Amino acid sequence: MLWSPSQAAERSAFRTHLSKKLLFAHVPKVGGTSLHLLFEQLIGRDLVYRLRAGHKAGRTDLAGLSADERARHQFFQGHFSFGEHRRFEQPCIYLAVVRDPIDRLISLYHYLRDQQRSDLHPGVEIITFTQFCAEITSNFKSGWTQCGFLTGCNDVDDIKAVLDQHYLTVCTTRQLNDMQTLLLNLYGSQPQPPLHRNPRRGALVDREEAAAARRRYSQFFSFDYWLVDHVEERFFAQCEALGVQAKTSPRRKTHDYVMKTVPYRVKRAQQ
């Protein structure tokens, strides 16, 4: 395939970044677990380091890695937030996946119930999803949001600046297979089956309950709704710039409504 001069330049720059240490900041419950398997295929299992599950465990693992271990591996995946690149002497760049905030809550609720993790959320085995949302938002912590996890910022312009400076690529959960296509294309590998998604063992949240949660609790995740829309547009633009055909179709934007209901001050992005 022939690339335009601008696409060729973008692809060259992208490949240069691939030589850096790749840090997959895995936001919990966004569906990105299978990415480490893709990188095992792309660069070899010996170069992939998967940290233990859990935010604190992931940070502890990274802190405990020797300089030789950090130098030997190329791809690091774990539930560590933005800022861990400072532990490395070598240049680093991040990858990430984001998800609709309420869908993420539903996934978390299913996980806690399926795995009987009352140690993480006491009483989760006996409460409804509506009650679960009420408990999460009544003790709301901005660090649990995807914006907080991936950038540490609560300002739209600052979030965009961190993404542009420190992230090689970010996609939404629904764009995961397009991210696979993009990475395979840039690494020069053959097409592979779609990324594996963990099967859900029975639906605990019906559509009506999920819709009610969106109406009632979306305001707590205003930045994350904006982030999902921004990331989706940014990823589509990146695919186009790199000459990669994305198969996912754009969805209806949500942040215009959500930004109006935000309970704290938001600095709007320049249109």
C-alpha atoms as a PDB file:
ATOM      1  CA  MET A   1       0.000   0.000   0.000  1.00  0.00           C
ATOM      2  CA  LEU A   2       1.223   3.496  -0.833  1.00  0.00           C
ATOM      3  CA  TRP A   3       1.206   6.104   1.922  1.00  0.00           C
ATOM      4  CA  SER A   4       0.922   9.839   1.456  1.00  0.00           C
ATOM      5  CA  PRO A   5       3.957  11.855   2.626  1.00  0.00           C
ATOM      6  CA  SER A   6       2.109  12.928   5.780  1.00  0.00           C
ATOM      7  CA  GLN A   7       1.047   9.336   6.558  1.00  0.00           C
ATOM      8  CA  ALA A   8       4.573   8.071   5.984  1.00  0.00           C
ATOM      9  CA  ALA A   9       5.912  10.708   8.387  1.00  0.00           C
ATOM     10  CA  GLU A  10       3.295   9.818  11.023  1.00  0.00           C
ATOM     11  CA  ARG A  11       4.076   6.118  10.712  1.00  0.00           C
ATOM     12  CA  SER A  12       7.800   6.781  11.084  1.00  0.00           C
ATOM     13  CA  ALA A  13       7.188   8.863  14.223  1.00  0.00           C
ATOM     14  CA  PHE A  14       4.867   6.200  15.655  1.00  0.00           C
ATOM     15  CA  ARG A  15       7.448   3.472  15.097  1.00  0.00           C
ATOM     16  CA  THR A  16      10.073   5.604  16.834  1.00  0.00           C
ATOM     17  CA  HIS A  17       7.845   5.711  19.924  1.00  0.00           C
ATOM     18  CA  LEU A  18       7.454   1.917  19.814  1.00  0.00           C
ATOM     19  CA  SER A  19      11.151   1.635  20.665  1.00  0.00           C
ATOM     20  CA  LYS A  20      10.498   3.246  24.058  1.00  0.00           C
ATOM     21  CA  LYS A  21       9.324   1.454  27.186  1.00  0.00           C
ATOM     22  CA  LEU A  22       5.597   0.877  26.684  1.00  0.00           C
ATOM     23  CA  LEU A  23       3.512   1.327  29.831  1.00  0.00           C
ATOM     24  CA  PHE A  24      -0.045   0.054  29.558  1.00  0.00           C
ATOM     25  CA  ALA A  25      -1.837   1.959  32.323  1.00  0.00           C
ATOM     26  CA  HIS A  26      -4.677  -0.519  32.702  1.00  0.00           C
ATOM     27  CA  VAL A  27      -7.685   1.261  34.159  1.00  0.00           C
ATOM     28  CA  PRO A  28      -9.657  -1.375  36.125  1.00  0.00           C
ATOM     29  CA  LYS A  29     -12.769  -2.743  34.401  1.00  0.00           C
ATOM     30  CA  VAL A  30     -12.290  -1.245  30.929  1.00  0.00           C
ATOM     31  CA  GLY A  31     -11.827  -4.579  29.157  1.00  0.00           C
ATOM     32  CA  GLY A  32      -8.181  -4.200  28.138  1.00  0.00           C
ATOM     33  CA  THR A  33      -6.743  -7.348  29.739  1.00  0.00           C
ATOM     34  CA  SER A  34      -6.091  -9.042  26.399  1.00  0.00           C
ATOM     35  CA  LEU A  35      -3.652  -6.371  25.193  1.00  0.00           C
ATOM     36  CA  HIS A  36      -0.710  -7.999  26.951  1.00  0.00           C
ATOM     37  CA  LEU A  37      -1.365 -11.163  24.907  1.00  0.00           C
ATOM     38  CA  LEU A  38      -1.193  -9.103  21.729  1.00  0.00           C
ATOM     39  CA  PHE A  39       2.162  -7.642  22.776  1.00  0.00           C
ATOM     40  CA  GLU A  40       3.472 -11.096  23.669  1.00  0.00           C
ATOM     41  CA  GLN A  41       2.813 -11.933  20.019  1.00  0.00           C
ATOM     42  CA  LEU A  42       4.238  -8.668  18.671  1.00  0.00           C
ATOM     43  CA  ILE A  43       7.478  -8.415  20.643  1.00  0.00           C
ATOM     44  CA  GLY A  44       7.855 -11.770  22.436  1.00  0.00           C
ATOM     45  CA  ARG A  45       6.742 -13.062  25.821  1.00  0.00           C
ATOM     46  CA  ASP A  46      10.154 -12.496  27.414  1.00  0.00           C
ATOM     47  CA  LEU A  47       9.836  -8.740  26.844  1.00  0.00           C
ATOM     48  CA  VAL A  48       6.355  -8.436  28.408  1.00  0.00           C
ATOM     49  CA  TYR A  49       6.016  -7.867  32.157  1.00  0.00           C
ATOM     50  CA  ARG A  50       2.530  -8.213  33.621  1.00  0.00           C
ATOM     51  CA  LEU A  51       2.165  -6.817  37.097  1.00  0.00           C
ATOM     52  CA  ARG A  52      -0.113  -8.236  39.765  1.00  0.00           C
ATOM     53  CA  ALA A  53      -3.764  -7.222  39.807  1.00  0.00           C
ATOM     54  CA  GLY A  54      -4.765  -4.273  41.954  1.00  0.00           C
ATOM     55  CA  HIS A  55      -3.619  -0.652  41.937  1.00  0.00           C
ATOM     56  CA  LYS A  56      -1.452  -0.894  45.054  1.00  0.00           C
ATOM     57  CA  ALA A  57       0.022  -4.235  43.974  1.00  0.00           C
ATOM     58  CA  GLY A  58       0.877  -2.835  40.546  1.00  0.00           C
ATOM     59  CA  ARG A  59       2.629   0.196  41.986  1.00  0.00           C
ATOM     60  CA  THR A  60       4.507  -2.013  44.458  1.00  0.00           C
ATOM     61  CA  ASP A  61       5.647  -4.347  41.691  1.00  0.00           C
ATOM     62  CA  LEU A  62       6.995  -1.468  39.608  1.00  0.00           C
ATOM     63  CA  ALA A  63       8.748   0.047  42.610  1.00  0.00           C
ATOM     64  CA  GLY A  64      10.326  -3.306  43.403  1.00  0.00           C
ATOM     65  CA  LEU A  65      11.688  -3.992  39.937  1.00  0.00           C
ATOM     66  CA  SER A  66      15.445  -3.822  39.674  1.00  0.00           C
ATOM     67  CA  ALA A  67      17.096  -1.541  37.141  1.00  0.00           C
ATOM     68  CA  ASP A  68      18.067  -4.636  35.138  1.00  0.00           C
ATOM     69  CA  GLU A  69      14.464  -5.897  35.065  1.00  0.00           C
ATOM     70  CA  ARG A  70      13.165  -2.520  33.939  1.00  0.00           C
ATOM     71  CA  ALA A  71      15.825  -2.419  31.233  1.00  0.00           C
ATOM     72  CA  ARG A  72      15.208  -6.006  30.068  1.00  0.00           C
ATOM     73  CA  HIS A  73      11.441  -5.749  29.486  1.00  0.00           C
ATOM     74  CA  GLN A  74       9.782  -3.626  26.827  1.00  0.00           C
ATOM     75  CA  PHE A  75       6.065  -3.727  27.685  1.00  0.00           C
ATOM     76  CA  PHE A  76       4.625  -3.311  31.186  1.00  0.00           C
ATOM     77  CA  GLN A  77       0.969  -3.867  32.010  1.00  0.00           C
ATOM     78  CA  GLY A  78      -0.701  -3.269  35.338  1.00  0.00           C
ATOM     79  CA  HIS A  79      -3.211  -1.241  37.311  1.00  0.00           C
ATOM     80  CA  PHE A  80      -0.733   1.603  37.812  1.00  0.00           C
ATOM     81  CA  SER A  81      -1.707   5.204  37.250  1.00  0.00           C
ATOM     82  CA  PHE A  82       0.042   8.010  35.396  1.00  0.00           C
ATOM     83  CA  GLY A  83       3.405   9.023  36.840  1.00  0.00           C
ATOM     84  CA  GLU A  84       5.086   5.620  37.038  1.00  0.00           C
ATOM     85  CA  HIS A  85       7.296   6.501  34.059  1.00  0.00           C
ATOM     86  CA  ARG A  86       9.430   8.460  36.530  1.00  0.00           C
ATOM     87  CA  ARG A  87      10.748   5.152  37.897  1.00  0.00           C
ATOM     88  CA  PHE A  88      12.480   4.399  34.588  1.00  0.00           C
ATOM     89  CA  GLU A  89      15.786   5.704  33.363  1.00  0.00           C
ATOM     90  CA  GLN A  90      14.778   4.920  29.762  1.00  0.00           C
ATOM     91  CA  PRO A  91      12.240   6.953  27.736  1.00  0.00           C
ATOM     92  CA  CYS A  92       8.672   5.741  28.298  1.00  0.00           C
ATOM     93  CA  ILE A  93       5.307   6.218  26.653  1.00  0.00           C
ATOM     94  CA  TYR A  94       1.851   5.094  27.756  1.00  0.00           C
ATOM     95  CA  LEU A  95      -1.020   3.204  26.174  1.00  0.00           C
ATOM     96  CA  ALA A  96      -4.520   3.046  27.629  1.00  0.00           C
ATOM     97  CA  VAL A  97      -8.142   2.062  27.090  1.00  0.00           C
ATOM     98  CA  VAL A  98     -11.150   4.005  28.407  1.00  0.00           C
ATOM     99  CA  ARG A  99     -14.798   3.046  28.786  1.00  0.00           C
ATOM    100  CA  ASP A 100     -18.253   4.527  29.231  1.00  0.00           C
ATOM    101  CA  PRO A 101     -18.320   5.264  32.992  1.00  0.00           C
ATOM    102  CA  ILE A 102     -21.635   3.567  33.741  1.00  0.00           C
ATOM    103  CA  ASP A 103     -20.654   0.515  31.676  1.00  0.00           C
ATOM    104  CA  ARG A 104     -17.500   0.419  33.792  1.00  0.00           C
ATOM    105  CA  LEU A 105     -19.580   0.490  36.980  1.00  0.00           C
ATOM    106  CA  ILE A 106     -21.720  -2.360  35.641  1.00  0.00           C
ATOM    107  CA  SER A 107     -18.580  -4.371  34.870  1.00  0.00           C
ATOM    108  CA  LEU A 108     -17.222  -3.693  38.367  1.00  0.00           C
ATOM    109  CA  TYR A 109     -20.512  -4.746  39.938  1.00  0.00           C
ATOM    110  CA  HIS A 110     -20.505  -8.001  37.946  1.00  0.00           C
ATOM    111  CA  TYR A 111     -16.901  -8.681  38.918  1.00  0.00           C
ATOM    112  CA  LEU A 112     -17.453  -8.105  42.618  1.00  0.00           C
ATOM    113  CA  ARG A 113     -20.576 -10.266  42.619  1.00  0.00           C
ATOM    114  CA  ASP A 114     -19.174 -13.069  40.431  1.00  0.00           C
ATOM    115  CA  GLN A 115     -15.911 -13.269  42.372  1.00  0.00           C
ATOM    116  CA  GLN A 116     -17.610 -12.740  45.751  1.00  0.00           C
ATOM    117  CA  ARG A 117     -15.245  -9.864  46.549  1.00  0.00           C
ATOM    118  CA  SER A 118     -16.984  -8.487  49.608  1.00  0.00           C
ATOM    119  CA  ASP A 119     -13.493  -7.655  50.875  1.00  0.00           C
ATOM    120  CA  LEU A 120     -13.381  -4.885  48.256  1.00  0.00           C
ATOM    121  CA  HIS A 121     -16.975  -3.726  48.724  1.00  0.00           C
ATOM    122  CA  PRO A 122     -18.653  -5.070  51.895  1.00  0.00           C
ATOM    123  CA  GLY A 123     -22.186  -6.320  51.314  1.00  0.00           C
ATOM    124  CA  VAL A 124     -21.942  -6.287  47.510  1.00  0.00           C
ATOM    125  CA  GLU A 125     -23.413  -9.794  47.330  1.00  0.00           C
ATOM    126  CA  ILE A 126     -26.779  -8.618  48.705  1.00  0.00           C
ATOM    127  CA  ILE A 127     -27.268  -5.163  47.190  1.00  0.00           C
ATOM    128  CA  THR A 128     -28.770  -4.174  43.842  1.00  0.00           C
ATOM    129  CA  PHE A 129     -26.867  -2.285  41.168  1.00  0.00           C
ATOM    130  CA  THR A 130     -28.824   0.875  42.019  1.00  0.00           C
ATOM    131  CA  GLN A 131     -27.746   0.583  45.652  1.00  0.00           C
ATOM    132  CA  PHE A 132     -24.185  -0.102  44.532  1.00  0.00           C
ATOM    133  CA  CYS A 133     -24.136   3.110  42.437  1.00  0.00           C
ATOM    134  CA  ALA A 134     -25.508   5.085  45.386  1.00  0.00           C
ATOM    135  CA  GLU A 135     -22.769   3.780  47.676  1.00  0.00           C
ATOM    136  CA  ILE A 136     -20.001   4.441  45.132  1.00  0.00           C
ATOM    137  CA  THR A 137     -21.117   8.018  44.467  1.00  0.00           C
ATOM    138  CA  SER A 138     -21.810   8.843  48.124  1.00  0.00           C
ATOM    139  CA  ASN A 139     -18.131   8.145  48.819  1.00  0.00           C
ATOM    140  CA  PHE A 140     -16.954   9.534  45.499  1.00  0.00           C
ATOM    141  CA  LYS A 141     -13.195   9.819  44.984  1.00  0.00           C
ATOM    142  CA  SER A 142     -11.926  11.647  41.937  1.00  0.00           C
ATOM    143  CA  GLY A 143      -8.883   9.358  41.800  1.00  0.00           C
ATOM    144  CA  TRP A 144     -11.190   6.489  40.841  1.00  0.00           C
ATOM    145  CA  THR A 145     -12.196   8.285  37.653  1.00  0.00           C
ATOM    146  CA  GLN A 146     -10.442   7.442  34.422  1.00  0.00           C
ATOM    147  CA  CYS A 147      -9.236  11.037  34.015  1.00  0.00           C
ATOM    148  CA  GLY A 148      -7.668  10.944  37.463  1.00  0.00           C
ATOM    149  CA  PHE A 149      -6.111   7.538  36.856  1.00  0.00           C
ATOM    150  CA  LEU A 150      -4.642   8.344  33.443  1.00  0.00           C
ATOM    151  CA  THR A 151      -3.608  11.977  33.883  1.00  0.00           C
ATOM    152  CA  GLY A 152      -3.964  13.087  37.517  1.00  0.00           C
ATOM    153  CA  CYS A 153      -5.737  16.202  36.199  1.00  0.00           C
ATOM    154  CA  ASN A 154      -9.219  17.696  36.592  1.00  0.00           C
ATOM    155  CA  ASP A 155      -8.984  20.333  33.888  1.00  0.00           C
ATOM    156  CA  VAL A 156      -9.862  19.615  30.261  1.00  0.00           C
ATOM    157  CA  ASP A 157      -6.869  21.418  28.770  1.00  0.00           C
ATOM    158  CA  ASP A 158      -4.468  19.770  31.223  1.00  0.00           C
ATOM    159  CA  ILE A 159      -5.936  16.331  30.455  1.00  0.00           C
ATOM    160  CA  LYS A 160      -5.487  16.881  26.713  1.00  0.00           C
ATOM    161  CA  ALA A 161      -1.906  18.067  27.245  1.00  0.00           C
ATOM    162  CA  VAL A 162      -0.972  14.929  29.235  1.00  0.00           C
ATOM    163  CA  LEU A 163      -2.562  12.652  26.619  1.00  0.00           C
ATOM    164  CA  ASP A 164      -0.755  14.421  23.773  1.00  0.00           C
ATOM    165  CA  GLN A 165       2.617  14.438  25.509  1.00  0.00           C
ATOM    166  CA  HIS A 166       2.717  11.064  27.249  1.00  0.00           C
ATOM    167  CA  TYR A 167       0.344   8.650  25.459  1.00  0.00           C
ATOM    168  CA  LEU A 168       1.197   6.867  22.234  1.00  0.00           C
ATOM    169  CA  THR A 169      -2.387   5.779  21.670  1.00  0.00           C
ATOM    170  CA  VAL A 170      -5.611   5.578  23.660  1.00  0.00           C
ATOM    171  CA  CYS A 171      -8.842   3.995  22.488  1.00  0.00           C
ATOM    172  CA  THR A 172     -12.258   3.200  23.904  1.00  0.00           C
ATOM    173  CA  THR A 173     -13.332  -0.337  24.779  1.00  0.00           C
ATOM    174  CA  ARG A 174     -15.403  -0.527  21.605  1.00  0.00           C
ATOM    175  CA  GLN A 175     -12.308   0.416  19.555  1.00  0.00           C
ATOM    176  CA  LEU A 176     -10.072  -2.350  20.953  1.00  0.00           C
ATOM    177  CA  ASN A 177     -10.089  -4.385  17.761  1.00  0.00           C
ATOM    178  CA  ASP A 178      -9.181  -1.257  15.788  1.00  0.00           C
ATOM    179  CA  MET A 179      -6.257  -0.722  18.164  1.00  0.00           C
ATOM    180  CA  GLN A 180      -5.193  -4.293  17.467  1.00  0.00           C
ATOM    181  CA  THR A 181      -5.360  -3.582  13.726  1.00  0.00           C
ATOM    182  CA  LEU A 182      -3.344  -0.390  14.146  1.00  0.00           C
ATOM    183  CA  LEU A 183      -0.589  -2.043  16.186  1.00  0.00           C
ATOM    184  CA  LEU A 184      -0.369  -5.093  13.904  1.00  0.00           C
ATOM    185  CA  ASN A 185      -0.158  -2.766  10.921  1.00  0.00           C
ATOM    186  CA  LEU A 186       2.617  -0.665  12.419  1.00  0.00           C
ATOM    187  CA  TYR A 187       4.577  -3.696  13.616  1.00  0.00           C
ATOM    188  CA  GLY A 188       4.163  -5.298  10.196  1.00  0.00           C
ATOM    189  CA  SER A 189       2.457  -8.408  11.592  1.00  0.00           C
ATOM    190  CA  GLN A 190      -0.258 -10.536  10.033  1.00  0.00           C
ATOM    191  CA  PRO A 191      -3.937  -9.969  10.897  1.00  0.00           C
ATOM    192  CA  GLN A 192      -5.155 -11.879  13.944  1.00  0.00           C
ATOM    193  CA  PRO A 193      -8.563 -12.918  15.336  1.00  0.00           C
ATOM    194  CA  PRO A 194     -10.392 -10.223  17.340  1.00  0.00           C
ATOM    195  CA  LEU A 195      -9.159  -9.623  20.863  1.00  0.00           C
ATOM    196  CA  HIS A 196     -10.667 -11.959  23.434  1.00  0.00           C
ATOM    197  CA  ARG A 197     -13.351 -10.556  25.718  1.00  0.00           C
ATOM    198  CA  ASN A 198     -14.154 -12.203  29.028  1.00  0.00           C
ATOM    199  CA  PRO A 199     -17.628 -13.799  28.886  1.00  0.00           C
ATOM    200  CA  ARG A 200     -20.225 -12.493  31.301  1.00  0.00           C
ATOM    201  CA  ARG A 201     -21.844 -15.182  33.414  1.00  0.00           C
ATOM    202  CA  GLY A 202     -25.437 -13.974  33.483  1.00  0.00           C
ATOM    203  CA  ALA A 203     -26.660 -10.384  33.418  1.00  0.00           C
ATOM    204  CA  LEU A 204     -27.201  -8.896  36.876  1.00  0.00           C
ATOM    205  CA  VAL A 205     -28.155  -5.440  35.557  1.00  0.00           C
ATOM    206  CA  ASP A 206     -31.018  -5.067  33.090  1.00  0.00           C
ATOM    207  CA  ARG A 207     -31.327  -2.264  30.517  1.00  0.00           C
ATOM    208  CA  GLU A 208     -33.881  -0.330  32.534  1.00  0.00           C
ATOM    209  CA  GLU A 209     -31.691  -0.284  35.638  1.00  0.00           C
ATOM    210  CA  ALA A 210     -28.658   0.705  33.580  1.00  0.00           C
ATOM    211  CA  ALA A 211     -30.595   3.549  31.912  1.00  0.00           C
ATOM    212  CA  ALA A 212     -31.784   4.793  35.313  1.00  0.00           C
ATOM    213  CA  ALA A 213     -28.191   4.789  36.556  1.00  0.00           C
ATOM    214  CA  ARG A 214     -27.084   6.886  33.581  1.00  0.00           C
ATOM    215  CA  ARG A 215     -29.782   9.477  34.254  1.00  0.00           C
ATOM    216  CA  ARG A 216     -29.039   9.688  37.955  1.00  0.00           C
ATOM    217  CA  TYR A 217     -25.285   9.240  38.291  1.00  0.00           C
ATOM    218  CA  SER A 218     -23.702  10.469  35.043  1.00  0.00           C
ATOM    219  CA  GLN A 219     -23.018  13.868  36.629  1.00  0.00           C
ATOM    220  CA  PHE A 220     -20.417  12.290  38.907  1.00  0.00           C
ATOM    221  CA  PHE A 221     -18.425  11.160  35.874  1.00  0.00           C
ATOM    222  CA  SER A 222     -18.627  14.266  33.696  1.00  0.00           C
ATOM    223  CA  PHE A 223     -14.909  14.389  32.989  1.00  0.00           C
ATOM    224  CA  ASP A 224     -14.887  10.705  32.090  1.00  0.00           C
ATOM    225  CA  TYR A 225     -17.784  11.128  29.660  1.00  0.00           C
ATOM    226  CA  TRP A 226     -15.890  13.973  28.022  1.00  0.00           C
ATOM    227  CA  LEU A 227     -12.743  11.793  28.026  1.00  0.00           C
ATOM    228  CA  VAL A 228     -14.485   8.907  26.237  1.00  0.00           C
ATOM    229  CA  ASP A 229     -15.730  11.247  23.497  1.00  0.00           C
ATOM    230  CA  HIS A 230     -12.362  12.974  23.167  1.00  0.00           C
ATOM    231  CA  VAL A 231     -10.426   9.691  23.052  1.00  0.00           C
ATOM    232  CA  GLU A 232     -12.743   8.222  20.444  1.00  0.00           C
ATOM    233  CA  GLU A 233     -12.327  11.244  18.145  1.00  0.00           C
ATOM    234  CA  ARG A 234      -8.572  11.317  18.789  1.00  0.00           C
ATOM    235  CA  PHE A 235      -8.161   7.626  17.982  1.00  0.00           C
ATOM    236  CA  PHE A 236     -10.163   7.878  14.741  1.00  0.00           C
ATOM    237  CA  ALA A 237      -7.967  10.832  13.710  1.00  0.00           C
ATOM    238  CA  GLN A 238      -4.827   8.864  14.571  1.00  0.00           C
ATOM    239  CA  CYS A 239      -5.936   5.903  12.456  1.00  0.00           C
ATOM    240  CA  GLU A 240      -6.603   8.213   9.529  1.00  0.00           C
ATOM    241  CA  ALA A 241      -3.245   9.952   9.930  1.00  0.00           C
ATOM    242  CA  LEU A 242      -1.479   6.579   9.956  1.00  0.00           C
ATOM    243  CA  GLY A 243      -3.392   5.235   6.966  1.00  0.00           C
ATOM    244  CA  VAL A 244      -5.159   2.529   8.999  1.00  0.00           C
ATOM    245  CA  GLN A 245      -8.814   1.790   8.241  1.00  0.00           C
ATOM    246  CA  ALA A 246     -10.899   1.777  11.438  1.00  0.00           C
ATOM    247  CA  LYS A 247     -13.964  -0.474  11.311  1.00  0.00           C
ATOM    248  CA  THR A 248     -15.721   0.938  14.365  1.00  0.00           C
ATOM    249  CA  SER A 249     -18.292   3.593  13.495  1.00  0.00           C
ATOM    250  CA  PRO A 250     -18.453   6.850  15.496  1.00  0.00           C
ATOM    251  CA  ARG A 251     -21.129   6.894  18.171  1.00  0.00           C
ATOM    252  CA  ARG A 252     -23.363   9.691  19.371  1.00  0.00           C
ATOM    253  CA  LYS A 253     -21.504  12.128  21.619  1.00  0.00           C
ATOM    254  CA  THR A 254     -22.545  12.435  25.238  1.00  0.00           C
ATOM    255  CA  HIS A 255     -20.453  15.144  26.850  1.00  0.00           C
ATOM    256  CA  ASP A 256     -22.472  18.157  25.611  1.00  0.00           C
ATOM    257  CA  TYR A 257     -25.269  17.160  27.983  1.00  0.00           C
ATOM    258  CA  VAL A 258     -23.065  15.850  30.752  1.00  0.00           C
ATOM    259  CA  MET A 259     -20.885  18.947  30.912  1.00  0.00           C
ATOM    260  CA  LYS A 260     -23.962  21.060  31.657  1.00  0.00           C
ATOM    261  CA  THR A 261     -24.776  18.937  34.697  1.00  0.00           C
ATOM    262  CA  VAL A 262     -21.282  18.862  36.159  1.00  0.00           C
ATOM    263  CA  PRO A 263     -21.425  19.676  39.901  1.00  0.00           C
ATOM    264  CA  TYR A 264     -18.072  21.446  39.905  1.00  0.00           C
ATOM    265  CA  ARG A 265     -16.353  23.924  37.659  1.00  0.00           C
ATOM    266  CA  VAL A 266     -15.093  22.605  34.339  1.00  0.00           C
ATOM    267  CA  LYS A 267     -12.889  24.536  31.964  1.00  0.00           C
ATOM    268  CA  ARG A 268     -14.409  23.824  28.588  1.00  0.00           C
ATOM    269  CA  ALA A 269     -12.181  22.756  25.755  1.00  0.00           C
ATOM    270  CA  GLN A 270     -11.732  25.178  22.916  1.00  0.00           C
ATOM    271  CA  GLN A 271     -13.970  24.174  20.023  1.00  0.00           C
END
